[in-house]
Amino acid sequence: MTTPNAPEDELICSARGCRAPAAYQLRWHNPRLHAPDRRKTWLACPAHRDSLGDFLDARGFLREVVPLP
């Protein structure tokens, strides 16, 4: 996802309504739907890293959080 005035390669936070640049990858999987080695990725800005991570962790989906380079 990009903002209208952002470069095409800019990564944007996955939180609903947030247009801030992403700083983290939250890698997760739903064991009822995904193979154990499959990872889905949400992107998070610093302001939403904890809330998105807590949402995934409460469901047992969060596997790792990786800072973007």
PDB file of N, CA and C in Angstrom:
ATOM      1  N   MET A   1       0.844  -1.172   0.000  1.00  0.00           N
ATOM      2  CA  MET A   1       0.000   0.000   0.000  1.00  0.00           C
ATOM      3  C   MET A   1       0.889   1.234   0.000  1.00  0.00           C
ATOM      4  N   THR A   2       0.514   2.199  -0.757  1.00  0.00           N
ATOM      5  CA  THR A   2       1.277   3.443  -0.798  1.00  0.00           C
ATOM      6  C   THR A   2       0.340   4.618  -0.632  1.00  0.00           C
ATOM      7  N   THR A   3       0.903   5.732  -0.210  1.00  0.00           N
ATOM      8  CA  THR A   3       0.117   6.954  -0.126  1.00  0.00           C
ATOM      9  C   THR A   3       0.113   7.607  -1.501  1.00  0.00           C
ATOM     10  N   PRO A   4      -0.860   8.473  -1.792  1.00  0.00           N
ATOM     11  CA  PRO A   4      -0.926   9.085  -3.117  1.00  0.00           C
ATOM     12  C   PRO A   4       0.339   9.827  -3.530  1.00  0.00           C
ATOM     13  N   ASN A   5       1.035  10.438  -2.597  1.00  0.00           N
ATOM     14  CA  ASN A   5       2.231  11.211  -2.924  1.00  0.00           C
ATOM     15  C   ASN A   5       3.525  10.496  -2.544  1.00  0.00           C
ATOM     16  N   ALA A   6       3.418   9.224  -2.165  1.00  0.00           N
ATOM     17  CA  ALA A   6       4.595   8.475  -1.727  1.00  0.00           C
ATOM     18  C   ALA A   6       5.235   7.762  -2.914  1.00  0.00           C
ATOM     19  N   PRO A   7       6.529   7.519  -2.832  1.00  0.00           N
ATOM     20  CA  PRO A   7       7.168   6.710  -3.866  1.00  0.00           C
ATOM     21  C   PRO A   7       6.528   5.316  -3.894  1.00  0.00           C
ATOM     22  N   GLU A   8       6.522   4.692  -5.041  1.00  0.00           N
ATOM     23  CA  GLU A   8       5.884   3.380  -5.202  1.00  0.00           C
ATOM     24  C   GLU A   8       6.475   2.318  -4.288  1.00  0.00           C
ATOM     25  N   ASP A   9       7.747   2.443  -3.924  1.00  0.00           N
ATOM     26  CA  ASP A   9       8.374   1.412  -3.108  1.00  0.00           C
ATOM     27  C   ASP A   9       8.274   1.679  -1.606  1.00  0.00           C
ATOM     28  N   GLU A  10       7.583   2.735  -1.185  1.00  0.00           N
ATOM     29  CA  GLU A  10       7.437   3.033   0.241  1.00  0.00           C
ATOM     30  C   GLU A  10       6.443   2.059   0.869  1.00  0.00           C
ATOM     31  N   LEU A  11       6.829   1.455   1.970  1.00  0.00           N
ATOM     32  CA  LEU A  11       5.973   0.512   2.681  1.00  0.00           C
ATOM     33  C   LEU A  11       5.166   1.265   3.735  1.00  0.00           C
ATOM     34  N   ILE A  12       3.865   1.009   3.776  1.00  0.00           N
ATOM     35  CA  ILE A  12       2.937   1.732   4.636  1.00  0.00           C
ATOM     36  C   ILE A  12       2.371   0.794   5.702  1.00  0.00           C
ATOM     37  N   CYS A  13       2.151   1.320   6.884  1.00  0.00           N
ATOM     38  CA  CYS A  13       1.590   0.578   8.012  1.00  0.00           C
ATOM     39  C   CYS A  13       0.263  -0.081   7.623  1.00  0.00           C
ATOM     40  N   SER A  14       0.047  -1.297   8.110  1.00  0.00           N
ATOM     41  CA  SER A  14      -1.174  -2.060   7.823  1.00  0.00           C
ATOM     42  C   SER A  14      -2.351  -1.699   8.725  1.00  0.00           C
ATOM     43  N   ALA A  15      -2.136  -0.896   9.754  1.00  0.00           N
ATOM     44  CA  ALA A  15      -3.227  -0.524  10.659  1.00  0.00           C
ATOM     45  C   ALA A  15      -4.282   0.269   9.890  1.00  0.00           C
ATOM     46  N   ARG A  16      -5.529  -0.035  10.172  1.00  0.00           N
ATOM     47  CA  ARG A  16      -6.639   0.628   9.476  1.00  0.00           C
ATOM     48  C   ARG A  16      -6.523   2.151   9.589  1.00  0.00           C
ATOM     49  N   GLY A  17      -6.535   2.813   8.449  1.00  0.00           N
ATOM     50  CA  GLY A  17      -6.517   4.266   8.407  1.00  0.00           C
ATOM     51  C   GLY A  17      -5.147   4.908   8.561  1.00  0.00           C
ATOM     52  N   CYS A  18      -4.129   4.136   8.893  1.00  0.00           N
ATOM     53  CA  CYS A  18      -2.785   4.689   9.084  1.00  0.00           C
ATOM     54  C   CYS A  18      -2.081   4.785   7.739  1.00  0.00           C
ATOM     55  N   ARG A  19      -1.426   5.889   7.508  1.00  0.00           N
ATOM     56  CA  ARG A  19      -0.678   6.104   6.263  1.00  0.00           C
ATOM     57  C   ARG A  19       0.808   6.333   6.552  1.00  0.00           C
ATOM     58  N   ALA A  20       1.234   6.019   7.764  1.00  0.00           N
ATOM     59  CA  ALA A  20       2.629   6.244   8.152  1.00  0.00           C
ATOM     60  C   ALA A  20       3.547   5.185   7.531  1.00  0.00           C
ATOM     61  N   PRO A  21       4.802   5.546   7.312  1.00  0.00           N
ATOM     62  CA  PRO A  21       5.760   4.558   6.799  1.00  0.00           C
ATOM     63  C   PRO A  21       5.949   3.414   7.799  1.00  0.00           C
ATOM     64  N   ALA A  22       6.043   2.215   7.277  1.00  0.00           N
ATOM     65  CA  ALA A  22       6.253   1.035   8.120  1.00  0.00           C
ATOM     66  C   ALA A  22       7.694   0.969   8.596  1.00  0.00           C
ATOM     67  N   ALA A  23       7.875   0.475   9.811  1.00  0.00           N
ATOM     68  CA  ALA A  23       9.210   0.283  10.377  1.00  0.00           C
ATOM     69  C   ALA A  23       9.433  -1.169  10.788  1.00  0.00           C
ATOM     70  N   TYR A  24       8.357  -1.979  10.816  1.00  0.00           N
ATOM     71  CA  TYR A  24       8.438  -3.370  11.267  1.00  0.00           C
ATOM     72  C   TYR A  24       7.621  -4.287  10.365  1.00  0.00           C
ATOM     73  N   GLN A  25       8.058  -5.536  10.291  1.00  0.00           N
ATOM     74  CA  GLN A  25       7.264  -6.611   9.703  1.00  0.00           C
ATOM     75  C   GLN A  25       6.781  -7.481  10.858  1.00  0.00           C
ATOM     76  N   LEU A  26       5.493  -7.720  10.932  1.00  0.00           N
ATOM     77  CA  LEU A  26       4.937  -8.650  11.911  1.00  0.00           C
ATOM     78  C   LEU A  26       4.596  -9.911  11.131  1.00  0.00           C
ATOM     79  N   ARG A  27       5.361 -10.959  11.344  1.00  0.00           N
ATOM     80  CA  ARG A  27       5.182 -12.212  10.610  1.00  0.00           C
ATOM     81  C   ARG A  27       4.320 -13.144  11.444  1.00  0.00           C
ATOM     82  N   TRP A  28       3.290 -13.674  10.829  1.00  0.00           N
ATOM     83  CA  TRP A  28       2.307 -14.463  11.556  1.00  0.00           C
ATOM     84  C   TRP A  28       1.743 -15.562  10.672  1.00  0.00           C
ATOM     85  N   HIS A  29       1.031 -16.491  11.318  1.00  0.00           N
ATOM     86  CA  HIS A  29       0.234 -17.467  10.580  1.00  0.00           C
ATOM     87  C   HIS A  29      -0.870 -18.003  11.472  1.00  0.00           C
ATOM     88  N   ASN A  30      -1.956 -18.360  10.824  1.00  0.00           N
ATOM     89  CA  ASN A  30      -3.096 -18.966  11.496  1.00  0.00           C
ATOM     90  C   ASN A  30      -2.947 -20.473  11.320  1.00  0.00           C
ATOM     91  N   PRO A  31      -2.663 -21.219  12.380  1.00  0.00           N
ATOM     92  CA  PRO A  31      -2.403 -22.654  12.240  1.00  0.00           C
ATOM     93  C   PRO A  31      -3.603 -23.455  11.726  1.00  0.00           C
ATOM     94  N   ARG A  32      -4.796 -22.897  11.826  1.00  0.00           N
ATOM     95  CA  ARG A  32      -5.968 -23.592  11.290  1.00  0.00           C
ATOM     96  C   ARG A  32      -6.053 -23.469   9.772  1.00  0.00           C
ATOM     97  N   LEU A  33      -5.387 -22.464   9.211  1.00  0.00           N
ATOM     98  CA  LEU A  33      -5.475 -22.215   7.777  1.00  0.00           C
ATOM     99  C   LEU A  33      -4.172 -22.413   7.018  1.00  0.00           C
ATOM    100  N   HIS A  34      -3.042 -22.191   7.687  1.00  0.00           N
ATOM    101  CA  HIS A  34      -1.750 -22.155   7.003  1.00  0.00           C
ATOM    102  C   HIS A  34      -0.845 -23.304   7.433  1.00  0.00           C
ATOM    103  N   ALA A  35      -0.023 -23.747   6.504  1.00  0.00           N
ATOM    104  CA  ALA A  35       1.011 -24.734   6.816  1.00  0.00           C
ATOM    105  C   ALA A  35       1.964 -24.135   7.849  1.00  0.00           C
ATOM    106  N   PRO A  36       2.593 -24.964   8.688  1.00  0.00           N
ATOM    107  CA  PRO A  36       3.477 -24.441   9.748  1.00  0.00           C
ATOM    108  C   PRO A  36       4.595 -23.535   9.261  1.00  0.00           C
ATOM    109  N   ASP A  37       5.086 -23.732   8.044  1.00  0.00           N
ATOM    110  CA  ASP A  37       6.194 -22.909   7.555  1.00  0.00           C
ATOM    111  C   ASP A  37       5.733 -21.665   6.798  1.00  0.00           C
ATOM    112  N   ARG A  38       4.440 -21.491   6.602  1.00  0.00           N
ATOM    113  CA  ARG A  38       3.941 -20.314   5.890  1.00  0.00           C
ATOM    114  C   ARG A  38       3.866 -19.117   6.829  1.00  0.00           C
ATOM    115  N   ARG A  39       4.250 -17.955   6.331  1.00  0.00           N
ATOM    116  CA  ARG A  39       4.162 -16.719   7.106  1.00  0.00           C
ATOM    117  C   ARG A  39       3.446 -15.660   6.286  1.00  0.00           C
ATOM    118  N   LYS A  40       2.498 -15.005   6.914  1.00  0.00           N
ATOM    119  CA  LYS A  40       1.854 -13.829   6.343  1.00  0.00           C
ATOM    120  C   LYS A  40       2.547 -12.637   7.001  1.00  0.00           C
ATOM    121  N   THR A  41       2.452 -11.468   6.396  1.00  0.00           N
ATOM    122  CA  THR A  41       3.151 -10.302   6.927  1.00  0.00           C
ATOM    123  C   THR A  41       2.222  -9.107   6.995  1.00  0.00           C
ATOM    124  N   TRP A  42       2.200  -8.481   8.159  1.00  0.00           N
ATOM    125  CA  TRP A  42       1.603  -7.163   8.322  1.00  0.00           C
ATOM    126  C   TRP A  42       2.756  -6.211   8.540  1.00  0.00           C
ATOM    127  N   LEU A  43       2.595  -4.997   8.060  1.00  0.00           N
ATOM    128  CA  LEU A  43       3.588  -3.950   8.272  1.00  0.00           C
ATOM    129  C   LEU A  43       3.087  -3.017   9.360  1.00  0.00           C
ATOM    130  N   ALA A  44       4.003  -2.498  10.178  1.00  0.00           N
ATOM    131  CA  ALA A  44       3.606  -1.614  11.274  1.00  0.00           C
ATOM    132  C   ALA A  44       4.556  -0.436  11.396  1.00  0.00           C
ATOM    133  N   CYS A  45       3.968   0.723  11.677  1.00  0.00           N
ATOM    134  CA  CYS A  45       4.757   1.899  12.040  1.00  0.00           C
ATOM    135  C   CYS A  45       5.064   1.772  13.537  1.00  0.00           C
ATOM    136  N   PRO A  46       5.960   2.591  14.073  1.00  0.00           N
ATOM    137  CA  PRO A  46       6.254   2.505  15.507  1.00  0.00           C
ATOM    138  C   PRO A  46       5.020   2.691  16.397  1.00  0.00           C
ATOM    139  N   ALA A  47       4.079   3.539  15.985  1.00  0.00           N
ATOM    140  CA  ALA A  47       2.887   3.799  16.803  1.00  0.00           C
ATOM    141  C   ALA A  47       1.941   2.599  16.866  1.00  0.00           C
ATOM    142  N   HIS A  48       1.944   1.756  15.843  1.00  0.00           N
ATOM    143  CA  HIS A  48       1.010   0.630  15.805  1.00  0.00           C
ATOM    144  C   HIS A  48       1.673  -0.733  15.995  1.00  0.00           C
ATOM    145  N   ARG A  49       2.970  -0.758  16.204  1.00  0.00           N
ATOM    146  CA  ARG A  49       3.680  -2.029  16.367  1.00  0.00           C
ATOM    147  C   ARG A  49       3.092  -2.842  17.518  1.00  0.00           C
ATOM    148  N   ASP A  50       2.861  -2.212  18.666  1.00  0.00           N
ATOM    149  CA  ASP A  50       2.347  -2.942  19.829  1.00  0.00           C
ATOM    150  C   ASP A  50       0.897  -3.373  19.649  1.00  0.00           C
ATOM    151  N   SER A  51       0.031  -2.499  19.146  1.00  0.00           N
ATOM    152  CA  SER A  51      -1.381  -2.864  19.032  1.00  0.00           C
ATOM    153  C   SER A  51      -1.599  -3.967  17.997  1.00  0.00           C
ATOM    154  N   LEU A  52      -0.918  -3.896  16.861  1.00  0.00           N
ATOM    155  CA  LEU A  52      -1.044  -4.969  15.877  1.00  0.00           C
ATOM    156  C   LEU A  52      -0.432  -6.267  16.399  1.00  0.00           C
ATOM    157  N   GLY A  53       0.715  -6.147  17.049  1.00  0.00           N
ATOM    158  CA  GLY A  53       1.353  -7.333  17.634  1.00  0.00           C
ATOM    159  C   GLY A  53       0.508  -7.963  18.725  1.00  0.00           C
ATOM    160  N   ASP A  54      -0.097  -7.148  19.575  1.00  0.00           N
ATOM    161  CA  ASP A  54      -0.961  -7.670  20.640  1.00  0.00           C
ATOM    162  C   ASP A  54      -2.183  -8.380  20.065  1.00  0.00           C
ATOM    163  N   PHE A  55      -2.765  -7.828  18.996  1.00  0.00           N
ATOM    164  CA  PHE A  55      -3.916  -8.449  18.335  1.00  0.00           C
ATOM    165  C   PHE A  55      -3.558  -9.848  17.832  1.00  0.00           C
ATOM    166  N   LEU A  56      -2.421  -9.950  17.149  1.00  0.00           N
ATOM    167  CA  LEU A  56      -1.996 -11.248  16.622  1.00  0.00           C
ATOM    168  C   LEU A  56      -1.583 -12.205  17.737  1.00  0.00           C
ATOM    169  N   ASP A  57      -0.876 -11.692  18.728  1.00  0.00           N
ATOM    170  CA  ASP A  57      -0.390 -12.531  19.828  1.00  0.00           C
ATOM    171  C   ASP A  57      -1.542 -13.085  20.659  1.00  0.00           C
ATOM    172  N   ALA A  58      -2.593 -12.311  20.878  1.00  0.00           N
ATOM    173  CA  ALA A  58      -3.742 -12.770  21.663  1.00  0.00           C
ATOM    174  C   ALA A  58      -4.417 -13.976  21.010  1.00  0.00           C
ATOM    175  N   ARG A  59      -4.267 -14.110  19.704  1.00  0.00           N
ATOM    176  CA  ARG A  59      -4.863 -15.220  18.966  1.00  0.00           C
ATOM    177  C   ARG A  59      -3.879 -16.364  18.731  1.00  0.00           C
ATOM    178  N   GLY A  60      -2.638 -16.166  19.195  1.00  0.00           N
ATOM    179  CA  GLY A  60      -1.609 -17.184  18.998  1.00  0.00           C
ATOM    180  C   GLY A  60      -1.040 -17.211  17.589  1.00  0.00           C
ATOM    181  N   PHE A  61      -1.214 -16.118  16.829  1.00  0.00           N
ATOM    182  CA  PHE A  61      -0.781 -16.077  15.437  1.00  0.00           C
ATOM    183  C   PHE A  61       0.617 -15.484  15.250  1.00  0.00           C
ATOM    184  N   LEU A  62       1.051 -14.595  16.128  1.00  0.00           N
ATOM    185  CA  LEU A  62       2.313 -13.875  15.947  1.00  0.00           C
ATOM    186  C   LEU A  62       3.495 -14.839  16.076  1.00  0.00           C
ATOM    187  N   ARG A  63       4.383 -14.795  15.111  1.00  0.00           N
ATOM    188  CA  ARG A  63       5.576 -15.649  15.126  1.00  0.00           C
ATOM    189  C   ARG A  63       6.844 -14.846  15.350  1.00  0.00           C
ATOM    190  N   GLU A  64       6.944 -13.671  14.729  1.00  0.00           N
ATOM    191  CA  GLU A  64       8.140 -12.850  14.929  1.00  0.00           C
ATOM    192  C   GLU A  64       7.889 -11.422  14.470  1.00  0.00           C
ATOM    193  N   VAL A  65       8.671 -10.498  15.036  1.00  0.00           N
ATOM    194  CA  VAL A  65       8.639  -9.091  14.640  1.00  0.00           C
ATOM    195  C   VAL A  65      10.046  -8.753  14.174  1.00  0.00           C
ATOM    196  N   VAL A  66      10.132  -8.214  12.958  1.00  0.00           N
ATOM    197  CA  VAL A  66      11.429  -7.923  12.348  1.00  0.00           C
ATOM    198  C   VAL A  66      11.461  -6.457  11.932  1.00  0.00           C
ATOM    199  N   PRO A  67      12.458  -5.704  12.408  1.00  0.00           N
ATOM    200  CA  PRO A  67      12.593  -4.319  11.946  1.00  0.00           C
ATOM    201  C   PRO A  67      12.908  -4.291  10.450  1.00  0.00           C
ATOM    202  N   LEU A  68      12.348  -3.325   9.756  1.00  0.00           N
ATOM    203  CA  LEU A  68      12.669  -3.144   8.350  1.00  0.00           C
ATOM    204  C   LEU A  68      14.036  -2.479   8.243  1.00  0.00           C
ATOM    205  N   PRO A  69      14.785  -2.811   7.210  1.00  0.00           N
ATOM    206  CA  PRO A  69      16.110  -2.193   7.046  1.00  0.00           C
ATOM    207  C   PRO A  69      16.016  -0.718   6.718  1.00  0.00           C
TER     208      PRO A  69
END
